Amino acid sequence: MINNKEIEIDKSIDMNEKDYITSLLTSLKDIEKNMCVSLTEASNEKLYKKYKEMFNNISDLQRKVFEVMFRLGFYKLEKQEKTKIDKKYNDLSNDYNTLN
């Protein structure tokens, strides 16, 4: 398990730091998904480039918020065995190959 010690937060009914940053991350993820739709439907090259720039900025911000949450201990990463990773890779590769 790869993680940082979670900071102490108020457990009352009021929103706390974790609630606010989780809400921010969720909103950024939603905006990022919606920007993907805008990119695929842009009918004009200038508009597409502006959407792409906005998408990249939102994507970078979303990643930074996740990194802050990880450093504060709100996310934990599980180390996986190489065999499990290899199996998943092979399964996905086989699925992809059946599409061709």
C-alpha atoms as a PDB file:
ATOM      1  CA  MET A   1       0.000   0.000   0.000  1.00  0.00           C
ATOM      2  CA  ILE A   2       1.378   3.400  -0.979  1.00  0.00           C
ATOM      3  CA  ASN A   3      -0.137   6.218   1.027  1.00  0.00           C
ATOM      4  CA  ASN A   4       0.450   9.248   3.179  1.00  0.00           C
ATOM      5  CA  LYS A   5      -0.813   9.744   6.710  1.00  0.00           C
ATOM      6  CA  GLU A   6      -4.308  11.224   6.515  1.00  0.00           C
ATOM      7  CA  ILE A   7      -4.600  14.640   8.109  1.00  0.00           C
ATOM      8  CA  GLU A   8      -6.966  15.069  11.032  1.00  0.00           C
ATOM      9  CA  ILE A   9     -10.286  16.563   9.953  1.00  0.00           C
ATOM     10  CA  ASP A  10     -13.389  17.657  11.785  1.00  0.00           C
ATOM     11  CA  LYS A  11     -15.954  14.815  11.809  1.00  0.00           C
ATOM     12  CA  SER A  12     -18.966  17.053  12.476  1.00  0.00           C
ATOM     13  CA  ILE A  13     -21.957  17.450  10.188  1.00  0.00           C
ATOM     14  CA  ASP A  14     -20.439  20.648   8.724  1.00  0.00           C
ATOM     15  CA  MET A  15     -18.371  20.426   5.567  1.00  0.00           C
ATOM     16  CA  ASN A  16     -14.671  20.046   6.274  1.00  0.00           C
ATOM     17  CA  GLU A  17     -11.509  20.390   4.192  1.00  0.00           C
ATOM     18  CA  LYS A  18     -11.847  16.879   2.792  1.00  0.00           C
ATOM     19  CA  ASP A  19     -15.465  17.523   1.747  1.00  0.00           C
ATOM     20  CA  TYR A  20     -14.526  20.747  -0.047  1.00  0.00           C
ATOM     21  CA  ILE A  21     -11.563  19.313  -1.916  1.00  0.00           C
ATOM     22  CA  THR A  22     -13.523  16.173  -2.835  1.00  0.00           C
ATOM     23  CA  SER A  23     -16.275  18.380  -4.236  1.00  0.00           C
ATOM     24  CA  LEU A  24     -13.694  20.352  -6.196  1.00  0.00           C
ATOM     25  CA  LEU A  25     -12.138  17.195  -7.638  1.00  0.00           C
ATOM     26  CA  THR A  26     -15.546  15.796  -8.608  1.00  0.00           C
ATOM     27  CA  SER A  27     -16.482  19.053 -10.334  1.00  0.00           C
ATOM     28  CA  LEU A  28     -13.194  19.191 -12.230  1.00  0.00           C
ATOM     29  CA  LYS A  29     -13.657  15.599 -13.403  1.00  0.00           C
ATOM     30  CA  ASP A  30     -17.159  16.427 -14.645  1.00  0.00           C
ATOM     31  CA  ILE A  31     -15.933  19.533 -16.454  1.00  0.00           C
ATOM     32  CA  GLU A  32     -13.119  17.509 -18.017  1.00  0.00           C
ATOM     33  CA  LYS A  33     -15.561  14.875 -19.314  1.00  0.00           C
ATOM     34  CA  ASN A  34     -17.850  17.553 -20.736  1.00  0.00           C
ATOM     35  CA  MET A  35     -14.907  19.296 -22.379  1.00  0.00           C
ATOM     36  CA  CYS A  36     -14.195  16.030 -24.230  1.00  0.00           C
ATOM     37  CA  VAL A  37     -17.660  16.247 -25.756  1.00  0.00           C
ATOM     38  CA  SER A  38     -17.031  19.866 -26.734  1.00  0.00           C
ATOM     39  CA  LEU A  39     -13.775  18.869 -28.402  1.00  0.00           C
ATOM     40  CA  THR A  40     -15.367  16.139 -30.470  1.00  0.00           C
ATOM     41  CA  GLU A  41     -18.215  18.400 -31.577  1.00  0.00           C
ATOM     42  CA  ALA A  42     -16.276  21.583 -32.330  1.00  0.00           C
ATOM     43  CA  SER A  43     -17.156  22.606 -35.883  1.00  0.00           C
ATOM     44  CA  ASN A  44     -14.442  25.189 -36.295  1.00  0.00           C
ATOM     45  CA  GLU A  45     -10.650  24.844 -36.032  1.00  0.00           C
ATOM     46  CA  LYS A  46     -10.234  28.041 -33.983  1.00  0.00           C
ATOM     47  CA  LEU A  47     -12.965  26.921 -31.594  1.00  0.00           C
ATOM     48  CA  TYR A  48     -11.419  23.444 -31.358  1.00  0.00           C
ATOM     49  CA  LYS A  49      -8.022  24.904 -30.422  1.00  0.00           C
ATOM     50  CA  LYS A  50      -9.602  27.078 -27.714  1.00  0.00           C
ATOM     51  CA  TYR A  51     -11.504  24.092 -26.299  1.00  0.00           C
ATOM     52  CA  LYS A  52      -8.304  22.015 -26.396  1.00  0.00           C
ATOM     53  CA  GLU A  53      -6.433  24.697 -24.461  1.00  0.00           C
ATOM     54  CA  MET A  54      -9.226  24.855 -21.888  1.00  0.00           C
ATOM     55  CA  PHE A  55      -9.330  21.048 -21.655  1.00  0.00           C
ATOM     56  CA  ASN A  56      -5.585  20.872 -21.026  1.00  0.00           C
ATOM     57  CA  ASN A  57      -5.829  23.517 -18.277  1.00  0.00           C
ATOM     58  CA  ILE A  58      -8.728  21.725 -16.566  1.00  0.00           C
ATOM     59  CA  SER A  59      -6.962  18.378 -16.894  1.00  0.00           C
ATOM     60  CA  ASP A  60      -3.778  19.769 -15.327  1.00  0.00           C
ATOM     61  CA  LEU A  61      -5.750  21.362 -12.503  1.00  0.00           C
ATOM     62  CA  GLN A  62      -7.667  18.139 -11.847  1.00  0.00           C
ATOM     63  CA  ARG A  63      -4.365  16.251 -11.610  1.00  0.00           C
ATOM     64  CA  LYS A  64      -2.915  18.828  -9.197  1.00  0.00           C
ATOM     65  CA  VAL A  65      -5.968  18.579  -6.936  1.00  0.00           C
ATOM     66  CA  PHE A  66      -5.656  14.779  -6.932  1.00  0.00           C
ATOM     67  CA  GLU A  67      -1.963  15.071  -6.007  1.00  0.00           C
ATOM     68  CA  VAL A  68      -2.832  17.373  -3.084  1.00  0.00           C
ATOM     69  CA  MET A  69      -5.465  14.901  -1.910  1.00  0.00           C
ATOM     70  CA  PHE A  70      -2.953  12.054  -2.149  1.00  0.00           C
ATOM     71  CA  ARG A  71      -0.369  14.007  -0.132  1.00  0.00           C
ATOM     72  CA  LEU A  72      -3.042  14.735   2.505  1.00  0.00           C
ATOM     73  CA  GLY A  73      -3.740  11.003   2.794  1.00  0.00           C
ATOM     74  CA  PHE A  74      -7.224  11.050   1.216  1.00  0.00           C
ATOM     75  CA  TYR A  75      -6.193   8.541  -1.483  1.00  0.00           C
ATOM     76  CA  LYS A  76      -4.204   5.348  -1.183  1.00  0.00           C
ATOM     77  CA  LEU A  77      -2.538   3.424  -3.988  1.00  0.00           C
ATOM     78  CA  GLU A  78      -2.333  -0.335  -3.928  1.00  0.00           C
ATOM     79  CA  LYS A  79       0.780  -2.021  -5.179  1.00  0.00           C
ATOM     80  CA  GLN A  80      -0.135  -4.880  -7.514  1.00  0.00           C
ATOM     81  CA  GLU A  81       1.789  -8.012  -8.342  1.00  0.00           C
ATOM     82  CA  LYS A  82       3.346  -8.048 -11.796  1.00  0.00           C
ATOM     83  CA  THR A  83       1.444 -11.217 -12.687  1.00  0.00           C
ATOM     84  CA  LYS A  84      -1.886  -9.516 -12.008  1.00  0.00           C
ATOM     85  CA  ILE A  85      -0.889  -6.505 -14.114  1.00  0.00           C
ATOM     86  CA  ASP A  86       0.313  -8.781 -16.929  1.00  0.00           C
ATOM     87  CA  LYS A  87      -2.940 -10.743 -16.854  1.00  0.00           C
ATOM     88  CA  LYS A  88      -5.027  -7.583 -17.082  1.00  0.00           C
ATOM     89  CA  TYR A  89      -2.860  -6.298 -19.936  1.00  0.00           C
ATOM     90  CA  ASN A  90      -3.253  -9.572 -21.825  1.00  0.00           C
ATOM     91  CA  ASP A  91      -7.026  -9.602 -21.279  1.00  0.00           C
ATOM     92  CA  LEU A  92      -7.362  -6.061 -22.593  1.00  0.00           C
ATOM     93  CA  SER A  93      -5.034  -6.800 -25.531  1.00  0.00           C
ATOM     94  CA  ASN A  94      -7.139  -9.809 -26.468  1.00  0.00           C
ATOM     95  CA  ASP A  95     -10.311  -7.731 -26.269  1.00  0.00           C
ATOM     96  CA  TYR A  96      -8.715  -5.081 -28.467  1.00  0.00           C
ATOM     97  CA  ASN A  97      -7.551  -7.656 -31.026  1.00  0.00           C
ATOM     98  CA  THR A  98     -11.061  -9.068 -31.361  1.00  0.00           C
ATOM     99  CA  LEU A  99     -12.232  -5.600 -32.458  1.00  0.00           C
ATOM    100  CA  ASN A 100      -9.948  -5.668 -35.525  1.00  0.00           C
END
